[in-house]
């Protein structure tokens, strides 16, 4: 990753291009769903120790996607906050059917910057 990203708006297109593999995106979606579910369950049942499982579930699925399917290093290691925010944005874009459009826009945006 040569460019240093300063804002989430400029980082998110890069983030999407690092998630080209459908299996990897599916694993991210599962991990984010588990994270949300575990957080809700832990908070509403006051089972605080279970909250420790939330990031393990979320990142576990995502990192399997990167290491075994994308074959790249998770952006979390370089941009932890923006990567976490982007996980939730991508989750929302999957839920709302916007991901294909956003992926195309991201590819176009990054290609136009290289020219």
PDB file of N, CA and C in Angstrom:
ATOM      1  N   UNK A   1       0.856  -1.159   0.000  1.00  0.00           N
ATOM      2  CA  UNK A   1       0.000   0.000   0.000  1.00  0.00           C
ATOM      3  C   UNK A   1       0.905   1.225   0.000  1.00  0.00           C
ATOM      4  N   UNK A   2       1.014   1.861  -1.132  1.00  0.00           N
ATOM      5  CA  UNK A   2       1.924   2.984  -1.274  1.00  0.00           C
ATOM      6  C   UNK A   2       1.334   4.286  -0.734  1.00  0.00           C
ATOM      7  N   UNK A   3       0.066   4.501  -0.957  1.00  0.00           N
ATOM      8  CA  UNK A   3      -0.566   5.759  -0.565  1.00  0.00           C
ATOM      9  C   UNK A   3      -0.925   5.746   0.917  1.00  0.00           C
ATOM     10  N   UNK A   4      -0.777   6.892   1.533  1.00  0.00           N
ATOM     11  CA  UNK A   4      -1.219   7.036   2.921  1.00  0.00           C
ATOM     12  C   UNK A   4      -2.594   7.696   2.904  1.00  0.00           C
ATOM     13  N   UNK A   5      -3.576   6.992   3.421  1.00  0.00           N
ATOM     14  CA  UNK A   5      -4.952   7.482   3.412  1.00  0.00           C
ATOM     15  C   UNK A   5      -5.210   8.306   4.666  1.00  0.00           C
ATOM     16  N   UNK A   6      -5.813   9.459   4.463  1.00  0.00           N
ATOM     17  CA  UNK A   6      -6.096  10.371   5.573  1.00  0.00           C
ATOM     18  C   UNK A   6      -7.566  10.364   5.983  1.00  0.00           C
ATOM     19  N   UNK A   7      -8.452  10.045   5.036  1.00  0.00           N
ATOM     20  CA  UNK A   7      -9.882  10.083   5.333  1.00  0.00           C
ATOM     21  C   UNK A   7     -10.536   8.759   4.949  1.00  0.00           C
ATOM     22  N   UNK A   8     -11.658   8.483   5.573  1.00  0.00           N
ATOM     23  CA  UNK A   8     -12.416   7.281   5.257  1.00  0.00           C
ATOM     24  C   UNK A   8     -12.935   7.341   3.818  1.00  0.00           C
ATOM     25  N   UNK A   9     -13.304   8.532   3.359  1.00  0.00           N
ATOM     26  CA  UNK A   9     -13.824   8.696   1.998  1.00  0.00           C
ATOM     27  C   UNK A   9     -12.799   8.270   0.947  1.00  0.00           C
ATOM     28  N   UNK A  10     -11.536   8.582   1.160  1.00  0.00           N
ATOM     29  CA  UNK A  10     -10.517   8.160   0.186  1.00  0.00           C
ATOM     30  C   UNK A  10     -10.037   6.727   0.446  1.00  0.00           C
ATOM     31  N   UNK A  11     -10.168   6.249   1.671  1.00  0.00           N
ATOM     32  CA  UNK A  11      -9.741   4.887   2.003  1.00  0.00           C
ATOM     33  C   UNK A  11     -10.719   3.824   1.506  1.00  0.00           C
ATOM     34  N   UNK A  12     -12.016   4.080   1.612  1.00  0.00           N
ATOM     35  CA  UNK A  12     -13.018   3.052   1.319  1.00  0.00           C
ATOM     36  C   UNK A  12     -12.906   2.453  -0.090  1.00  0.00           C
ATOM     37  N   UNK A  13     -12.663   3.246  -1.145  1.00  0.00           N
ATOM     38  CA  UNK A  13     -12.475   2.620  -2.463  1.00  0.00           C
ATOM     39  C   UNK A  13     -11.294   1.641  -2.480  1.00  0.00           C
ATOM     40  N   UNK A  14     -10.205   2.020  -1.828  1.00  0.00           N
ATOM     41  CA  UNK A  14      -9.067   1.103  -1.722  1.00  0.00           C
ATOM     42  C   UNK A  14      -9.490  -0.171  -0.984  1.00  0.00           C
ATOM     43  N   UNK A  15     -10.189  -0.011   0.125  1.00  0.00           N
ATOM     44  CA  UNK A  15     -10.665  -1.140   0.922  1.00  0.00           C
ATOM     45  C   UNK A  15     -11.476  -2.105   0.055  1.00  0.00           C
ATOM     46  N   UNK A  16     -12.372  -1.560  -0.755  1.00  0.00           N
ATOM     47  CA  UNK A  16     -13.195  -2.415  -1.613  1.00  0.00           C
ATOM     48  C   UNK A  16     -12.353  -3.189  -2.623  1.00  0.00           C
ATOM     49  N   UNK A  17     -11.328  -2.561  -3.168  1.00  0.00           N
ATOM     50  CA  UNK A  17     -10.494  -3.266  -4.147  1.00  0.00           C
ATOM     51  C   UNK A  17      -9.666  -4.370  -3.499  1.00  0.00           C
ATOM     52  N   UNK A  18      -9.532  -4.332  -2.200  1.00  0.00           N
ATOM     53  CA  UNK A  18      -8.847  -5.398  -1.469  1.00  0.00           C
ATOM     54  C   UNK A  18      -9.793  -6.544  -1.109  1.00  0.00           C
ATOM     55  N   UNK A  19     -11.031  -6.459  -1.570  1.00  0.00           N
ATOM     56  CA  UNK A  19     -12.062  -7.458  -1.280  1.00  0.00           C
ATOM     57  C   UNK A  19     -12.737  -7.915  -2.576  1.00  0.00           C
ATOM     58  N   UNK A  20     -11.942  -8.382  -3.519  1.00  0.00           N
ATOM     59  CA  UNK A  20     -12.451  -8.799  -4.822  1.00  0.00           C
ATOM     60  C   UNK A  20     -13.093 -10.182  -4.793  1.00  0.00           C
ATOM     61  N   UNK A  21     -12.635 -11.032  -3.903  1.00  0.00           N
ATOM     62  CA  UNK A  21     -13.114 -12.412  -3.860  1.00  0.00           C
ATOM     63  C   UNK A  21     -14.461 -12.503  -3.138  1.00  0.00           C
ATOM     64  N   UNK A  22     -15.430 -13.130  -3.796  1.00  0.00           N
ATOM     65  CA  UNK A  22     -16.773 -13.231  -3.220  1.00  0.00           C
ATOM     66  C   UNK A  22     -16.776 -14.023  -1.910  1.00  0.00           C
ATOM     67  N   UNK A  23     -15.983 -15.077  -1.830  1.00  0.00           N
ATOM     68  CA  UNK A  23     -15.919 -15.867  -0.591  1.00  0.00           C
ATOM     69  C   UNK A  23     -15.390 -15.011   0.550  1.00  0.00           C
ATOM     70  N   UNK A  24     -14.387 -14.210   0.251  1.00  0.00           N
ATOM     71  CA  UNK A  24     -13.834 -13.319   1.269  1.00  0.00           C
ATOM     72  C   UNK A  24     -14.880 -12.317   1.747  1.00  0.00           C
ATOM     73  N   UNK A  25     -15.616 -11.735   0.822  1.00  0.00           N
ATOM     74  CA  UNK A  25     -16.673 -10.785   1.208  1.00  0.00           C
ATOM     75  C   UNK A  25     -17.754 -11.477   2.026  1.00  0.00           C
ATOM     76  N   UNK A  26     -18.085 -12.709   1.656  1.00  0.00           N
ATOM     77  CA  UNK A  26     -19.075 -13.476   2.412  1.00  0.00           C
ATOM     78  C   UNK A  26     -18.578 -13.737   3.830  1.00  0.00           C
ATOM     79  N   UNK A  27     -17.307 -14.086   3.956  1.00  0.00           N
ATOM     80  CA  UNK A  27     -16.730 -14.306   5.290  1.00  0.00           C
ATOM     81  C   UNK A  27     -16.731 -13.019   6.110  1.00  0.00           C
ATOM     82  N   UNK A  28     -16.452 -11.896   5.476  1.00  0.00           N
ATOM     83  CA  UNK A  28     -16.530 -10.614   6.172  1.00  0.00           C
ATOM     84  C   UNK A  28     -17.961 -10.355   6.657  1.00  0.00           C
ATOM     85  N   UNK A  29     -18.922 -10.635   5.801  1.00  0.00           N
ATOM     86  CA  UNK A  29     -20.324 -10.420   6.160  1.00  0.00           C
ATOM     87  C   UNK A  29     -20.712 -11.302   7.345  1.00  0.00           C
ATOM     88  N   UNK A  30     -20.301 -12.557   7.312  1.00  0.00           N
ATOM     89  CA  UNK A  30     -20.590 -13.473   8.426  1.00  0.00           C
ATOM     90  C   UNK A  30     -19.928 -12.962   9.709  1.00  0.00           C
ATOM     91  N   UNK A  31     -18.666 -12.583   9.616  1.00  0.00           N
ATOM     92  CA  UNK A  31     -17.948 -12.084  10.786  1.00  0.00           C
ATOM     93  C   UNK A  31     -18.576 -10.836  11.375  1.00  0.00           C
ATOM     94  N   UNK A  32     -18.964  -9.909  10.516  1.00  0.00           N
ATOM     95  CA  UNK A  32     -19.600  -8.679  10.997  1.00  0.00           C
ATOM     96  C   UNK A  32     -20.963  -8.990  11.609  1.00  0.00           C
ATOM     97  N   UNK A  33     -21.709  -9.908  10.994  1.00  0.00           N
ATOM     98  CA  UNK A  33     -23.008 -10.317  11.551  1.00  0.00           C
ATOM     99  C   UNK A  33     -22.834 -10.937  12.932  1.00  0.00           C
ATOM    100  N   UNK A  34     -21.843 -11.808  13.062  1.00  0.00           N
ATOM    101  CA  UNK A  34     -21.575 -12.429  14.364  1.00  0.00           C
ATOM    102  C   UNK A  34     -21.158 -11.384  15.389  1.00  0.00           C
ATOM    103  N   UNK A  35     -20.304 -10.451  14.975  1.00  0.00           N
ATOM    104  CA  UNK A  35     -19.874  -9.383  15.870  1.00  0.00           C
ATOM    105  C   UNK A  35     -21.085  -8.628  16.411  1.00  0.00           C
ATOM    106  N   UNK A  36     -21.961  -8.208  15.514  1.00  0.00           N
ATOM    107  CA  UNK A  36     -23.155  -7.459  15.921  1.00  0.00           C
ATOM    108  C   UNK A  36     -24.041  -8.308  16.825  1.00  0.00           C
ATOM    109  N   UNK A  37     -24.266  -9.552  16.429  1.00  0.00           N
ATOM    110  CA  UNK A  37     -25.116 -10.446  17.217  1.00  0.00           C
ATOM    111  C   UNK A  37     -24.568 -10.709  18.608  1.00  0.00           C
ATOM    112  N   UNK A  38     -23.277 -10.949  18.691  1.00  0.00           N
ATOM    113  CA  UNK A  38     -22.648 -11.204  19.997  1.00  0.00           C
ATOM    114  C   UNK A  38     -22.725  -9.957  20.873  1.00  0.00           C
ATOM    115  N   UNK A  39     -22.482  -8.792  20.285  1.00  0.00           N
ATOM    116  CA  UNK A  39     -22.552  -7.543  21.051  1.00  0.00           C
ATOM    117  C   UNK A  39     -23.966  -7.322  21.591  1.00  0.00           C
ATOM    118  N   UNK A  40     -24.956  -7.501  20.747  1.00  0.00           N
ATOM    119  CA  UNK A  40     -26.345  -7.312  21.181  1.00  0.00           C
ATOM    120  C   UNK A  40     -26.692  -8.316  22.274  1.00  0.00           C
ATOM    121  N   UNK A  41     -26.360  -9.578  22.070  1.00  0.00           N
ATOM    122  CA  UNK A  41     -26.655 -10.618  23.055  1.00  0.00           C
ATOM    123  C   UNK A  41     -25.970 -10.317  24.395  1.00  0.00           C
ATOM    124  N   UNK A  42     -24.681  -9.991  24.325  1.00  0.00           N
ATOM    125  CA  UNK A  42     -23.929  -9.723  25.547  1.00  0.00           C
ATOM    126  C   UNK A  42     -24.467  -8.539  26.332  1.00  0.00           C
ATOM    127  N   UNK A  43     -24.825  -7.491  25.624  1.00  0.00           N
ATOM    128  CA  UNK A  43     -25.338  -6.280  26.285  1.00  0.00           C
ATOM    129  C   UNK A  43     -26.725  -6.518  26.885  1.00  0.00           C
ATOM    130  N   UNK A  44     -27.614  -7.140  26.113  1.00  0.00           N
ATOM    131  CA  UNK A  44     -28.982  -7.321  26.598  1.00  0.00           C
ATOM    132  C   UNK A  44     -29.130  -8.413  27.649  1.00  0.00           C
ATOM    133  N   UNK A  45     -28.171  -9.327  27.709  1.00  0.00           N
ATOM    134  CA  UNK A  45     -28.233 -10.377  28.736  1.00  0.00           C
ATOM    135  C   UNK A  45     -27.275 -10.097  29.886  1.00  0.00           C
ATOM    136  N   UNK A  46     -26.513  -9.014  29.758  1.00  0.00           N
ATOM    137  CA  UNK A  46     -25.498  -8.644  30.755  1.00  0.00           C
ATOM    138  C   UNK A  46     -24.464  -9.751  30.954  1.00  0.00           C
ATOM    139  N   UNK A  47     -24.202 -10.508  29.900  1.00  0.00           N
ATOM    140  CA  UNK A  47     -23.134 -11.524  29.923  1.00  0.00           C
ATOM    141  C   UNK A  47     -21.896 -10.871  29.317  1.00  0.00           C
ATOM    142  N   UNK A  48     -21.216 -10.120  30.157  1.00  0.00           N
ATOM    143  CA  UNK A  48     -20.144  -9.250  29.690  1.00  0.00           C
ATOM    144  C   UNK A  48     -18.952 -10.003  29.122  1.00  0.00           C
ATOM    145  N   UNK A  49     -18.668 -11.169  29.651  1.00  0.00           N
ATOM    146  CA  UNK A  49     -17.502 -11.919  29.173  1.00  0.00           C
ATOM    147  C   UNK A  49     -17.659 -12.365  27.717  1.00  0.00           C
ATOM    148  N   UNK A  50     -18.894 -12.573  27.295  1.00  0.00           N
ATOM    149  CA  UNK A  50     -19.116 -13.006  25.913  1.00  0.00           C
ATOM    150  C   UNK A  50     -18.724 -11.911  24.919  1.00  0.00           C
ATOM    151  N   UNK A  51     -18.697 -10.665  25.384  1.00  0.00           N
ATOM    152  CA  UNK A  51     -18.309  -9.559  24.506  1.00  0.00           C
ATOM    153  C   UNK A  51     -16.876  -9.722  23.993  1.00  0.00           C
ATOM    154  N   UNK A  52     -16.073 -10.468  24.734  1.00  0.00           N
ATOM    155  CA  UNK A  52     -14.695 -10.726  24.292  1.00  0.00           C
ATOM    156  C   UNK A  52     -14.662 -11.549  23.013  1.00  0.00           C
ATOM    157  N   UNK A  53     -15.713 -12.316  22.766  1.00  0.00           N
ATOM    158  CA  UNK A  53     -15.771 -13.138  21.554  1.00  0.00           C
ATOM    159  C   UNK A  53     -16.100 -12.322  20.300  1.00  0.00           C
ATOM    160  N   UNK A  54     -16.714 -11.167  20.465  1.00  0.00           N
ATOM    161  CA  UNK A  54     -17.158 -10.377  19.317  1.00  0.00           C
ATOM    162  C   UNK A  54     -16.013 -10.042  18.352  1.00  0.00           C
ATOM    163  N   UNK A  55     -14.915  -9.437  18.803  1.00  0.00           N
ATOM    164  CA  UNK A  55     -13.849  -9.137  17.844  1.00  0.00           C
ATOM    165  C   UNK A  55     -13.165 -10.394  17.303  1.00  0.00           C
ATOM    166  N   UNK A  56     -13.119 -11.441  18.106  1.00  0.00           N
ATOM    167  CA  UNK A  56     -12.516 -12.693  17.633  1.00  0.00           C
ATOM    168  C   UNK A  56     -13.341 -13.265  16.483  1.00  0.00           C
ATOM    169  N   UNK A  57     -14.648 -13.271  16.646  1.00  0.00           N
ATOM    170  CA  UNK A  57     -15.530 -13.761  15.579  1.00  0.00           C
ATOM    171  C   UNK A  57     -15.431 -12.871  14.343  1.00  0.00           C
ATOM    172  N   UNK A  58     -15.518 -11.577  14.557  1.00  0.00           N
ATOM    173  CA  UNK A  58     -15.477 -10.646  13.432  1.00  0.00           C
ATOM    174  C   UNK A  58     -14.178 -10.717  12.656  1.00  0.00           C
ATOM    175  N   UNK A  59     -13.073 -10.557  13.354  1.00  0.00           N
ATOM    176  CA  UNK A  59     -11.782 -10.569  12.672  1.00  0.00           C
ATOM    177  C   UNK A  59     -11.383 -11.966  12.224  1.00  0.00           C
ATOM    178  N   UNK A  60     -11.784 -12.980  12.948  1.00  0.00           N
ATOM    179  CA  UNK A  60     -11.439 -14.352  12.563  1.00  0.00           C
ATOM    180  C   UNK A  60     -11.941 -14.682  11.169  1.00  0.00           C
ATOM    181  N   UNK A  61     -13.204 -14.428  10.924  1.00  0.00           N
ATOM    182  CA  UNK A  61     -13.772 -14.698   9.600  1.00  0.00           C
ATOM    183  C   UNK A  61     -13.134 -13.810   8.535  1.00  0.00           C
ATOM    184  N   UNK A  62     -12.953 -12.541   8.841  1.00  0.00           N
ATOM    185  CA  UNK A  62     -12.374 -11.611   7.871  1.00  0.00           C
ATOM    186  C   UNK A  62     -10.948 -12.016   7.502  1.00  0.00           C
ATOM    187  N   UNK A  63     -10.152 -12.366   8.489  1.00  0.00           N
ATOM    188  CA  UNK A  63      -8.762 -12.702   8.216  1.00  0.00           C
ATOM    189  C   UNK A  63      -8.623 -14.011   7.462  1.00  0.00           C
ATOM    190  N   UNK A  64      -9.502 -14.963   7.696  1.00  0.00           N
ATOM    191  CA  UNK A  64      -9.507 -16.186   6.881  1.00  0.00           C
ATOM    192  C   UNK A  64      -9.742 -15.790   5.424  1.00  0.00           C
ATOM    193  N   UNK A  65     -10.674 -14.881   5.209  1.00  0.00           N
ATOM    194  CA  UNK A  65     -10.943 -14.402   3.854  1.00  0.00           C
ATOM    195  C   UNK A  65      -9.717 -13.794   3.200  1.00  0.00           C
ATOM    196  N   UNK A  66      -8.974 -13.002   3.944  1.00  0.00           N
ATOM    197  CA  UNK A  66      -7.783 -12.359   3.377  1.00  0.00           C
ATOM    198  C   UNK A  66      -6.657 -13.358   3.147  1.00  0.00           C
ATOM    199  N   UNK A  67      -6.345 -14.144   4.142  1.00  0.00           N
ATOM    200  CA  UNK A  67      -5.181 -15.018   4.036  1.00  0.00           C
ATOM    201  C   UNK A  67      -5.377 -16.178   3.069  1.00  0.00           C
ATOM    202  N   UNK A  68      -6.600 -16.724   2.986  1.00  0.00           N
ATOM    203  CA  UNK A  68      -6.819 -17.911   2.167  1.00  0.00           C
ATOM    204  C   UNK A  68      -7.502 -17.644   0.830  1.00  0.00           C
ATOM    205  N   UNK A  69      -8.226 -16.549   0.702  1.00  0.00           N
ATOM    206  CA  UNK A  69      -8.949 -16.298  -0.536  1.00  0.00           C
ATOM    207  C   UNK A  69      -8.426 -15.068  -1.277  1.00  0.00           C
ATOM    208  N   UNK A  70      -8.262 -13.962  -0.586  1.00  0.00           N
ATOM    209  CA  UNK A  70      -7.728 -12.757  -1.226  1.00  0.00           C
ATOM    210  C   UNK A  70      -6.220 -12.858  -1.431  1.00  0.00           C
ATOM    211  N   UNK A  71      -5.573 -13.577  -0.529  1.00  0.00           N
ATOM    212  CA  UNK A  71      -4.105 -13.701  -0.536  1.00  0.00           C
ATOM    213  C   UNK A  71      -3.450 -12.319  -0.375  1.00  0.00           C
ATOM    214  N   UNK A  72      -4.008 -11.525   0.544  1.00  0.00           N
ATOM    215  CA  UNK A  72      -3.425 -10.218   0.825  1.00  0.00           C
ATOM    216  C   UNK A  72      -3.443  -9.965   2.335  1.00  0.00           C
ATOM    217  N   UNK A  73      -2.756  -8.917   2.721  1.00  0.00           N
ATOM    218  CA  UNK A  73      -2.670  -8.553   4.133  1.00  0.00           C
ATOM    219  C   UNK A  73      -3.872  -7.678   4.490  1.00  0.00           C
ATOM    220  N   UNK A  74      -4.582  -8.010   5.576  1.00  0.00           N
ATOM    221  CA  UNK A  74      -5.729  -7.190   5.965  1.00  0.00           C
ATOM    222  C   UNK A  74      -5.330  -5.732   6.226  1.00  0.00           C
ATOM    223  N   UNK A  75      -6.148  -4.819   5.743  1.00  0.00           N
ATOM    224  CA  UNK A  75      -5.883  -3.391   5.944  1.00  0.00           C
ATOM    225  C   UNK A  75      -5.941  -3.019   7.422  1.00  0.00           C
ATOM    226  N   UNK A  76      -6.531  -3.878   8.237  1.00  0.00           N
ATOM    227  CA  UNK A  76      -6.623  -3.653   9.680  1.00  0.00           C
ATOM    228  C   UNK A  76      -5.246  -3.428  10.289  1.00  0.00           C
ATOM    229  N   UNK A  77      -4.235  -4.079   9.741  1.00  0.00           N
ATOM    230  CA  UNK A  77      -2.890  -3.977  10.301  1.00  0.00           C
ATOM    231  C   UNK A  77      -2.284  -2.588  10.088  1.00  0.00           C
ATOM    232  N   UNK A  78      -2.692  -1.915   9.014  1.00  0.00           N
ATOM    233  CA  UNK A  78      -2.140  -0.596   8.702  1.00  0.00           C
ATOM    234  C   UNK A  78      -3.106   0.535   9.051  1.00  0.00           C
ATOM    235  N   UNK A  79      -4.372   0.300   8.837  1.00  0.00           N
ATOM    236  CA  UNK A  79      -5.403   1.312   9.062  1.00  0.00           C
ATOM    237  C   UNK A  79      -6.520   0.711   9.915  1.00  0.00           C
ATOM    238  N   UNK A  80      -6.274   0.456  11.198  1.00  0.00           N
ATOM    239  CA  UNK A  80      -7.274  -0.252  12.012  1.00  0.00           C
ATOM    240  C   UNK A  80      -8.625   0.452  12.120  1.00  0.00           C
ATOM    241  N   UNK A  81      -8.653   1.730  12.362  1.00  0.00           N
ATOM    242  CA  UNK A  81      -9.928   2.439  12.544  1.00  0.00           C
ATOM    243  C   UNK A  81     -10.700   2.543  11.237  1.00  0.00           C
ATOM    244  N   UNK A  82     -10.011   2.939  10.167  1.00  0.00           N
ATOM    245  CA  UNK A  82     -10.697   3.075   8.885  1.00  0.00           C
ATOM    246  C   UNK A  82     -11.129   1.710   8.341  1.00  0.00           C
ATOM    247  N   UNK A  83     -10.353   0.688   8.605  1.00  0.00           N
ATOM    248  CA  UNK A  83     -10.715  -0.653   8.171  1.00  0.00           C
ATOM    249  C   UNK A  83     -11.958  -1.148   8.909  1.00  0.00           C
ATOM    250  N   UNK A  84     -12.007  -0.913  10.207  1.00  0.00           N
ATOM    251  CA  UNK A  84     -13.174  -1.312  10.995  1.00  0.00           C
ATOM    252  C   UNK A  84     -14.431  -0.585  10.504  1.00  0.00           C
ATOM    253  N   UNK A  85     -14.305   0.713  10.296  1.00  0.00           N
ATOM    254  CA  UNK A  85     -15.444   1.482   9.782  1.00  0.00           C
ATOM    255  C   UNK A  85     -15.864   0.958   8.407  1.00  0.00           C
ATOM    256  N   UNK A  86     -14.881   0.636   7.571  1.00  0.00           N
ATOM    257  CA  UNK A  86     -15.172   0.132   6.229  1.00  0.00           C
ATOM    258  C   UNK A  86     -15.842  -1.231   6.270  1.00  0.00           C
ATOM    259  N   UNK A  87     -15.523  -2.050   7.271  1.00  0.00           N
ATOM    260  CA  UNK A  87     -16.213  -3.335   7.431  1.00  0.00           C
ATOM    261  C   UNK A  87     -17.716  -3.113   7.580  1.00  0.00           C
ATOM    262  N   UNK A  88     -18.081  -2.153   8.397  1.00  0.00           N
ATOM    263  CA  UNK A  88     -19.502  -1.869   8.623  1.00  0.00           C
ATOM    264  C   UNK A  88     -20.153  -1.218   7.403  1.00  0.00           C
ATOM    265  N   UNK A  89     -19.402  -0.385   6.708  1.00  0.00           N
ATOM    266  CA  UNK A  89     -19.944   0.231   5.487  1.00  0.00           C
ATOM    267  C   UNK A  89     -20.183  -0.851   4.428  1.00  0.00           C
ATOM    268  N   UNK A  90     -19.194  -1.742   4.248  1.00  0.00           N
ATOM    269  CA  UNK A  90     -19.372  -2.816   3.268  1.00  0.00           C
ATOM    270  C   UNK A  90     -20.535  -3.724   3.673  1.00  0.00           C
ATOM    271  N   UNK A  91     -20.664  -4.006   4.964  1.00  0.00           N
ATOM    272  CA  UNK A  91     -21.785  -4.801   5.474  1.00  0.00           C
ATOM    273  C   UNK A  91     -23.111  -4.147   5.064  1.00  0.00           C
ATOM    274  N   UNK A  92     -23.217  -2.843   5.265  1.00  0.00           N
ATOM    275  CA  UNK A  92     -24.428  -2.106   4.906  1.00  0.00           C
ATOM    276  C   UNK A  92     -24.663  -2.153   3.392  1.00  0.00           C
ATOM    277  N   UNK A  93     -23.592  -1.993   2.622  1.00  0.00           N
ATOM    278  CA  UNK A  93     -23.735  -2.024   1.167  1.00  0.00           C
ATOM    279  C   UNK A  93     -24.167  -3.412   0.670  1.00  0.00           C
ATOM    280  N   UNK A  94     -23.724  -4.457   1.342  1.00  0.00           N
ATOM    281  CA  UNK A  94     -24.186  -5.804   0.997  1.00  0.00           C
ATOM    282  C   UNK A  94     -25.668  -5.932   1.335  1.00  0.00           C
ATOM    283  N   UNK A  95     -26.046  -5.522   2.547  1.00  0.00           N
ATOM    284  CA  UNK A  95     -27.450  -5.616   2.978  1.00  0.00           C
ATOM    285  C   UNK A  95     -28.406  -4.855   2.062  1.00  0.00           C
ATOM    286  N   UNK A  96     -27.967  -3.723   1.576  1.00  0.00           N
ATOM    287  CA  UNK A  96     -28.847  -2.855   0.790  1.00  0.00           C
ATOM    288  C   UNK A  96     -28.686  -3.052  -0.721  1.00  0.00           C
ATOM    289  N   UNK A  97     -27.879  -4.026  -1.126  1.00  0.00           N
ATOM    290  CA  UNK A  97     -27.714  -4.323  -2.550  1.00  0.00           C
ATOM    291  C   UNK A  97     -26.893  -3.309  -3.320  1.00  0.00           C
ATOM    292  N   UNK A  98     -26.119  -2.503  -2.628  1.00  0.00           N
ATOM    293  CA  UNK A  98     -25.324  -1.459  -3.280  1.00  0.00           C
ATOM    294  C   UNK A  98     -23.881  -1.875  -3.579  1.00  0.00           C
ATOM    295  N   UNK A  99     -23.477  -3.062  -3.125  1.00  0.00           N
ATOM    296  CA  UNK A  99     -22.052  -3.395  -3.180  1.00  0.00           C
ATOM    297  C   UNK A  99     -21.501  -3.454  -4.599  1.00  0.00           C
ATOM    298  N   UNK A 100     -22.203  -4.072  -5.526  1.00  0.00           N
ATOM    299  CA  UNK A 100     -21.692  -4.170  -6.908  1.00  0.00           C
ATOM    300  C   UNK A 100     -21.396  -2.789  -7.479  1.00  0.00           C
ATOM    301  N   UNK A 101     -22.320  -1.877  -7.287  1.00  0.00           N
ATOM    302  CA  UNK A 101     -22.143  -0.502  -7.777  1.00  0.00           C
ATOM    303  C   UNK A 101     -20.940   0.161  -7.108  1.00  0.00           C
ATOM    304  N   UNK A 102     -20.818  -0.005  -5.803  1.00  0.00           N
ATOM    305  CA  UNK A 102     -19.708   0.604  -5.064  1.00  0.00           C
ATOM    306  C   UNK A 102     -18.368  -0.008  -5.482  1.00  0.00           C
ATOM    307  N   UNK A 103     -18.365  -1.320  -5.761  1.00  0.00           N
ATOM    308  CA  UNK A 103     -17.129  -1.980  -6.208  1.00  0.00           C
ATOM    309  C   UNK A 103     -16.684  -1.418  -7.563  1.00  0.00           C
ATOM    310  N   UNK A 104     -17.633  -1.246  -8.474  1.00  0.00           N
ATOM    311  CA  UNK A 104     -17.312  -0.686  -9.793  1.00  0.00           C
ATOM    312  C   UNK A 104     -16.796   0.741  -9.666  1.00  0.00           C
ATOM    313  N   UNK A 105     -17.432   1.536  -8.827  1.00  0.00           N
ATOM    314  CA  UNK A 105     -16.987   2.915  -8.615  1.00  0.00           C
ATOM    315  C   UNK A 105     -15.569   2.940  -8.037  1.00  0.00           C
ATOM    316  N   UNK A 106     -15.289   2.032  -7.114  1.00  0.00           N
ATOM    317  CA  UNK A 106     -13.967   1.980  -6.489  1.00  0.00           C
ATOM    318  C   UNK A 106     -12.897   1.614  -7.509  1.00  0.00           C
ATOM    319  N   UNK A 107     -13.173   0.620  -8.341  1.00  0.00           N
ATOM    320  CA  UNK A 107     -12.207   0.219  -9.377  1.00  0.00           C
ATOM    321  C   UNK A 107     -11.940   1.375 -10.324  1.00  0.00           C
ATOM    322  N   UNK A 108     -13.003   2.039 -10.755  1.00  0.00           N
ATOM    323  CA  UNK A 108     -12.865   3.175 -11.673  1.00  0.00           C
ATOM    324  C   UNK A 108     -12.061   4.302 -11.032  1.00  0.00           C
ATOM    325  N   UNK A 109     -12.363   4.595  -9.784  1.00  0.00           N
ATOM    326  CA  UNK A 109     -11.679   5.677  -9.070  1.00  0.00           C
ATOM    327  C   UNK A 109     -10.181   5.394  -8.940  1.00  0.00           C
ATOM    328  N   UNK A 110      -9.833   4.186  -8.572  1.00  0.00           N
ATOM    329  CA  UNK A 110      -8.413   3.854  -8.400  1.00  0.00           C
ATOM    330  C   UNK A 110      -7.696   3.756  -9.738  1.00  0.00           C
ATOM    331  N   UNK A 111      -8.367   3.269 -10.769  1.00  0.00           N
ATOM    332  CA  UNK A 111      -7.751   3.217 -12.103  1.00  0.00           C
ATOM    333  C   UNK A 111      -7.500   4.614 -12.648  1.00  0.00           C
ATOM    334  N   UNK A 112      -8.434   5.525 -12.453  1.00  0.00           N
ATOM    335  CA  UNK A 112      -8.270   6.885 -12.961  1.00  0.00           C
ATOM    336  C   UNK A 112      -7.137   7.617 -12.237  1.00  0.00           C
ATOM    337  N   UNK A 113      -6.873   7.252 -10.998  1.00  0.00           N
ATOM    338  CA  UNK A 113      -5.763   7.891 -10.252  1.00  0.00           C
ATOM    339  C   UNK A 113      -4.407   7.374 -10.741  1.00  0.00           C
ATOM    340  N   UNK A 114      -4.368   6.145 -11.272  1.00  0.00           N
ATOM    341  CA  UNK A 114      -3.117   5.564 -11.748  1.00  0.00           C
ATOM    342  C   UNK A 114      -2.710   6.141 -13.100  1.00  0.00           C
ATOM    343  N   UNK A 115      -3.675   6.653 -13.857  1.00  0.00           N
ATOM    344  CA  UNK A 115      -3.387   7.158 -15.201  1.00  0.00           C
ATOM    345  C   UNK A 115      -2.787   8.530 -15.186  1.00  0.00           C
TER     346      UNK A 115
END
